[in-house]
Amino acid sequence: MKKNYPRYTLRISNNLHEKITFTANYNGRSKNKEIEVAVKRYILDFERLHGEIETKNDLDF
């Protein structure tokens, strides 16, 4: 079943886009999934330093 996640447009440089494409291909993921993994890692690192971020939604993380 398809989940109804919010959409977000991301504007990045061509250089960063090429690098994300490279790492996504290397890891066998789509660019979207590669960005999602990177954001999750960033949030986990942030929360380790500053504590858990409370949200209104109880989404998979």
N, C-alpha and C. Protein backbone atom coordinates (compact mmCIF):
# COMPACT_ATOMS: atom_id res chain seq x y z
N MET A 1 0.84 -1.17 0.00
CA MET A 1 0.00 0.00 0.00
C MET A 1 0.90 1.25 0.00
N LYS A 2 0.56 2.18 -0.82
CA LYS A 2 1.33 3.42 -0.95
C LYS A 2 1.00 4.37 0.19
N LYS A 3 2.04 4.88 0.85
CA LYS A 3 1.83 5.85 1.93
C LYS A 3 1.74 7.25 1.35
N ASN A 4 0.99 8.09 1.99
CA ASN A 4 0.79 9.46 1.53
C ASN A 4 1.73 10.40 2.28
N TYR A 5 3.01 10.37 1.93
CA TYR A 5 3.99 11.24 2.56
C TYR A 5 3.93 12.64 1.96
N PRO A 6 4.26 13.65 2.76
CA PRO A 6 4.30 15.01 2.21
C PRO A 6 5.41 15.13 1.17
N ARG A 7 5.21 15.98 0.20
CA ARG A 7 6.22 16.22 -0.84
C ARG A 7 6.97 17.50 -0.52
N TYR A 8 8.24 17.53 -0.95
CA TYR A 8 9.07 18.69 -0.69
C TYR A 8 10.00 18.88 -1.89
N THR A 9 10.00 20.07 -2.46
CA THR A 9 10.90 20.36 -3.58
C THR A 9 12.23 20.82 -3.02
N LEU A 10 13.29 20.22 -3.51
CA LEU A 10 14.64 20.53 -3.04
C LEU A 10 15.44 21.15 -4.17
N ARG A 11 15.99 22.33 -3.93
CA ARG A 11 16.84 22.98 -4.92
C ARG A 11 18.28 22.85 -4.47
N ILE A 12 19.10 22.21 -5.32
CA ILE A 12 20.52 22.00 -5.01
C ILE A 12 21.37 22.30 -6.24
N SER A 13 22.65 22.49 -6.02
CA SER A 13 23.56 22.78 -7.13
C SER A 13 23.70 21.55 -8.03
N ASN A 14 24.11 21.79 -9.26
CA ASN A 14 24.35 20.69 -10.20
C ASN A 14 25.41 19.75 -9.67
N ASN A 15 26.45 20.31 -9.04
CA ASN A 15 27.53 19.50 -8.50
C ASN A 15 27.02 18.54 -7.43
N LEU A 16 26.22 19.06 -6.50
CA LEU A 16 25.65 18.21 -5.44
C LEU A 16 24.70 17.19 -6.03
N HIS A 17 23.92 17.57 -7.02
CA HIS A 17 23.01 16.64 -7.68
C HIS A 17 23.77 15.47 -8.30
N GLU A 18 24.86 15.77 -8.97
CA GLU A 18 25.68 14.71 -9.58
C GLU A 18 26.24 13.77 -8.52
N LYS A 19 26.66 14.34 -7.39
CA LYS A 19 27.23 13.51 -6.32
C LYS A 19 26.17 12.64 -5.67
N ILE A 20 24.96 13.17 -5.50
CA ILE A 20 23.87 12.36 -4.95
C ILE A 20 23.52 11.24 -5.92
N THR A 21 23.49 11.54 -7.21
CA THR A 21 23.23 10.52 -8.22
C THR A 21 24.27 9.41 -8.14
N PHE A 22 25.54 9.80 -8.01
CA PHE A 22 26.63 8.83 -7.91
C PHE A 22 26.46 7.94 -6.68
N THR A 23 26.25 8.57 -5.50
CA THR A 23 26.14 7.77 -4.28
C THR A 23 24.89 6.90 -4.29
N ALA A 24 23.80 7.40 -4.85
CA ALA A 24 22.57 6.59 -4.95
C ALA A 24 22.82 5.36 -5.82
N ASN A 25 23.44 5.56 -6.97
CA ASN A 25 23.75 4.42 -7.84
C ASN A 25 24.68 3.44 -7.16
N TYR A 26 25.68 3.94 -6.47
CA TYR A 26 26.65 3.10 -5.76
C TYR A 26 25.95 2.25 -4.71
N ASN A 27 24.99 2.85 -4.01
CA ASN A 27 24.28 2.16 -2.94
C ASN A 27 23.04 1.41 -3.41
N GLY A 28 22.75 1.48 -4.71
CA GLY A 28 21.60 0.76 -5.26
C GLY A 28 20.27 1.33 -4.83
N ARG A 29 20.22 2.66 -4.65
CA ARG A 29 18.99 3.32 -4.22
C ARG A 29 18.60 4.38 -5.24
N SER A 30 17.35 4.81 -5.15
CA SER A 30 16.92 5.97 -5.93
C SER A 30 17.53 7.21 -5.30
N LYS A 31 17.55 8.31 -6.05
CA LYS A 31 18.05 9.56 -5.49
C LYS A 31 17.19 9.99 -4.31
N ASN A 32 15.90 9.82 -4.42
CA ASN A 32 15.00 10.19 -3.33
C ASN A 32 15.34 9.42 -2.06
N LYS A 33 15.51 8.10 -2.18
CA LYS A 33 15.82 7.27 -1.02
C LYS A 33 17.21 7.62 -0.46
N GLU A 34 18.15 7.94 -1.34
CA GLU A 34 19.49 8.33 -0.89
C GLU A 34 19.43 9.61 -0.05
N ILE A 35 18.64 10.58 -0.50
CA ILE A 35 18.47 11.82 0.26
C ILE A 35 17.77 11.54 1.58
N GLU A 36 16.76 10.67 1.56
CA GLU A 36 16.04 10.32 2.79
C GLU A 36 16.99 9.69 3.82
N VAL A 37 17.84 8.78 3.37
CA VAL A 37 18.82 8.14 4.27
C VAL A 37 19.77 9.19 4.85
N ALA A 38 20.24 10.11 4.01
CA ALA A 38 21.16 11.15 4.47
C ALA A 38 20.49 12.06 5.51
N VAL A 39 19.24 12.42 5.28
CA VAL A 39 18.51 13.28 6.22
C VAL A 39 18.29 12.54 7.54
N LYS A 40 17.92 11.26 7.48
CA LYS A 40 17.73 10.48 8.70
C LYS A 40 19.02 10.41 9.51
N ARG A 41 20.14 10.20 8.85
CA ARG A 41 21.44 10.16 9.55
C ARG A 41 21.73 11.51 10.20
N TYR A 42 21.44 12.59 9.49
CA TYR A 42 21.66 13.93 10.03
C TYR A 42 20.81 14.16 11.28
N ILE A 43 19.52 13.78 11.21
CA ILE A 43 18.61 13.97 12.34
C ILE A 43 19.06 13.12 13.53
N LEU A 44 19.45 11.88 13.30
CA LEU A 44 19.92 11.02 14.39
C LEU A 44 21.16 11.62 15.07
N ASP A 45 22.09 12.13 14.27
CA ASP A 45 23.28 12.79 14.83
C ASP A 45 22.89 14.02 15.64
N PHE A 46 21.97 14.81 15.13
CA PHE A 46 21.50 16.00 15.83
C PHE A 46 20.88 15.62 17.16
N GLU A 47 20.02 14.58 17.13
CA GLU A 47 19.33 14.17 18.35
C GLU A 47 20.30 13.58 19.38
N ARG A 48 21.37 12.93 18.94
CA ARG A 48 22.37 12.43 19.87
C ARG A 48 23.01 13.57 20.65
N LEU A 49 23.21 14.69 19.97
CA LEU A 49 23.85 15.85 20.60
C LEU A 49 22.87 16.69 21.42
N HIS A 50 21.64 16.83 20.96
CA HIS A 50 20.71 17.81 21.52
C HIS A 50 19.44 17.22 22.13
N GLY A 51 19.26 15.92 22.04
CA GLY A 51 18.05 15.29 22.55
C GLY A 51 17.02 15.07 21.45
N GLU A 52 16.09 14.20 21.75
CA GLU A 52 15.07 13.82 20.77
C GLU A 52 14.17 15.00 20.41
N ILE A 53 13.86 15.10 19.14
CA ILE A 53 12.95 16.11 18.63
C ILE A 53 11.54 15.53 18.67
N GLU A 54 10.65 16.19 19.38
CA GLU A 54 9.27 15.72 19.45
C GLU A 54 8.51 16.22 18.23
N THR A 55 7.68 15.34 17.66
CA THR A 55 6.87 15.69 16.49
C THR A 55 5.41 15.37 16.76
N LYS A 56 4.55 15.95 15.97
CA LYS A 56 3.12 15.68 16.06
C LYS A 56 2.76 14.35 15.41
N ASN A 57 3.56 13.94 14.43
CA ASN A 57 3.29 12.74 13.67
C ASN A 57 4.13 11.59 14.18
N ASP A 58 3.57 10.41 14.19
CA ASP A 58 4.30 9.22 14.60
C ASP A 58 4.60 8.39 13.36
N LEU A 59 5.48 8.93 12.50
CA LEU A 59 5.82 8.26 11.24
C LEU A 59 7.00 7.33 11.44
N ASP A 60 7.14 6.38 10.52
CA ASP A 60 8.29 5.48 10.54
C ASP A 60 9.56 6.29 10.41
N PHE A 61 10.55 5.93 11.20
CA PHE A 61 11.83 6.64 11.12
C PHE A 61 12.95 5.68 11.12
